[in-house]
Amino acid sequence: MLTGYSLTGEFSSEYLNYLLASDYAREWCWGIKADGISQSNISASKLATFLAPVPPMSEQLRIVTKVDELMAICDELESQLGRARSTRASFATSAVASFA
């Protein structure tokens, strides 16, 4: 649990979520974490040194909108890939059955 730590500035919760889930934040955390017996920890003093890019709110919202658009495209591509794999499997089954 983190206590006594607050963010300064204006943050979109969605922007902050994407920021903290980014490779940038993950790599930073992996670099400074301390491994305990059963879990890793990041002290509040180390967490306070995290430098986060904080653009103006309008830019944060633009970034969130763009990331959401790109994620929707990725979801659609994954769906298309799944359908293509299913079609390929059906064709393979049909081809084998036609020679039997």
Protein backbone atom coordinates (compact mmCIF):
# COMPACT_ATOMS: atom_id res chain seq x y z
CA MET A 1 0.00 0.00 0.00
CA LEU A 2 1.23 3.47 -0.83
CA THR A 3 0.47 6.24 1.60
CA GLY A 4 1.30 9.91 1.72
CA TYR A 5 1.92 10.14 -2.02
CA SER A 6 -0.07 12.39 -4.31
CA LEU A 7 0.08 13.32 -7.94
CA THR A 8 0.43 16.95 -8.81
CA GLY A 9 -1.13 18.43 -11.88
CA GLU A 10 -4.19 17.56 -13.86
CA PHE A 11 -4.50 13.92 -14.93
CA SER A 12 -6.98 12.04 -17.00
CA SER A 13 -7.52 8.72 -15.22
CA GLU A 14 -7.48 6.95 -18.60
CA TYR A 15 -4.20 8.64 -19.55
CA LEU A 16 -2.68 7.69 -16.20
CA ASN A 17 -3.84 4.09 -16.69
CA TYR A 18 -2.19 3.90 -20.13
CA LEU A 19 0.96 5.58 -18.81
CA LEU A 20 1.33 3.15 -15.91
CA ALA A 21 0.69 0.16 -18.19
CA SER A 22 3.28 1.36 -20.72
CA ASP A 23 6.63 -0.28 -21.41
CA TYR A 24 8.24 2.93 -20.13
CA ALA A 25 6.66 2.56 -16.67
CA ARG A 26 7.08 -1.23 -16.52
CA GLU A 27 10.77 -1.04 -17.38
CA TRP A 28 11.30 1.70 -14.82
CA CYS A 29 9.59 -0.39 -12.13
CA TRP A 30 11.61 -3.50 -13.01
CA GLY A 31 14.77 -1.43 -12.74
CA ILE A 32 14.16 -0.09 -9.24
CA LYS A 33 12.10 -2.76 -7.48
CA ALA A 34 13.42 -4.63 -4.48
CA ASP A 35 12.63 -8.34 -4.37
CA GLY A 36 11.35 -9.67 -1.08
CA ILE A 37 10.74 -13.25 -0.06
CA SER A 38 7.23 -13.42 -1.49
CA GLN A 39 6.80 -10.20 -3.46
CA SER A 40 8.60 -7.28 -5.03
CA ASN A 41 8.30 -3.81 -3.56
CA ILE A 42 8.91 -0.25 -4.66
CA SER A 43 9.40 2.15 -1.79
CA ALA A 44 7.52 5.45 -1.70
CA SER A 45 10.81 7.35 -1.89
CA LYS A 46 11.78 5.51 -5.07
CA LEU A 47 8.29 5.92 -6.52
CA ALA A 48 8.56 9.66 -5.92
CA THR A 49 11.46 9.74 -8.42
CA PHE A 50 9.30 8.41 -11.29
CA LEU A 51 9.34 10.99 -14.05
CA ALA A 52 6.07 10.87 -15.91
CA PRO A 53 5.38 12.79 -19.08
CA VAL A 54 2.37 14.95 -18.26
CA PRO A 55 1.08 16.84 -21.27
CA PRO A 56 -1.77 19.35 -20.98
CA MET A 57 -5.20 17.82 -20.38
CA SER A 58 -6.28 18.37 -24.00
CA GLU A 59 -3.26 16.36 -25.20
CA GLN A 60 -3.87 13.62 -22.63
CA LEU A 61 -7.42 13.25 -23.93
CA ARG A 62 -6.18 13.21 -27.54
CA ILE A 63 -3.68 10.48 -26.64
CA VAL A 64 -6.36 8.42 -24.88
CA THR A 65 -8.69 8.76 -27.89
CA LYS A 66 -5.93 7.67 -30.28
CA VAL A 67 -4.87 4.72 -28.11
CA ASP A 68 -8.52 3.63 -27.86
CA GLU A 69 -8.86 3.85 -31.67
CA LEU A 70 -5.68 1.81 -32.19
CA MET A 71 -6.74 -0.79 -29.62
CA ALA A 72 -10.09 -1.17 -31.45
CA ILE A 73 -8.16 -1.77 -34.69
CA CYS A 74 -5.99 -4.37 -32.92
CA ASP A 75 -9.11 -6.10 -31.57
CA GLU A 76 -10.62 -6.23 -35.06
CA LEU A 77 -7.39 -7.59 -36.55
CA GLU A 78 -7.23 -10.29 -33.87
CA SER A 79 -10.83 -11.21 -34.67
CA GLN A 80 -10.05 -11.38 -38.40
CA LEU A 81 -7.02 -13.53 -37.69
CA GLY A 82 -9.13 -15.92 -35.64
CA ARG A 83 -11.68 -16.20 -38.46
CA ALA A 84 -8.88 -16.76 -41.00
CA ARG A 85 -7.41 -19.54 -38.87
CA SER A 86 -10.82 -21.16 -38.57
CA THR A 87 -11.35 -20.93 -42.33
CA ARG A 88 -7.91 -22.40 -42.97
CA ALA A 89 -8.67 -25.31 -40.65
CA SER A 90 -11.98 -25.91 -42.43
CA PHE A 91 -10.27 -25.88 -45.83
CA ALA A 92 -7.63 -28.33 -44.58
CA THR A 93 -10.29 -30.67 -43.22
CA SER A 94 -12.27 -30.45 -46.49
CA ALA A 95 -9.16 -31.07 -48.56
CA VAL A 96 -8.23 -34.15 -46.58
CA ALA A 97 -11.84 -35.42 -46.69
CA SER A 98 -11.99 -35.01 -50.47
CA PHE A 99 -9.04 -37.41 -50.87
CA ALA A 100 -10.47 -40.05 -48.54
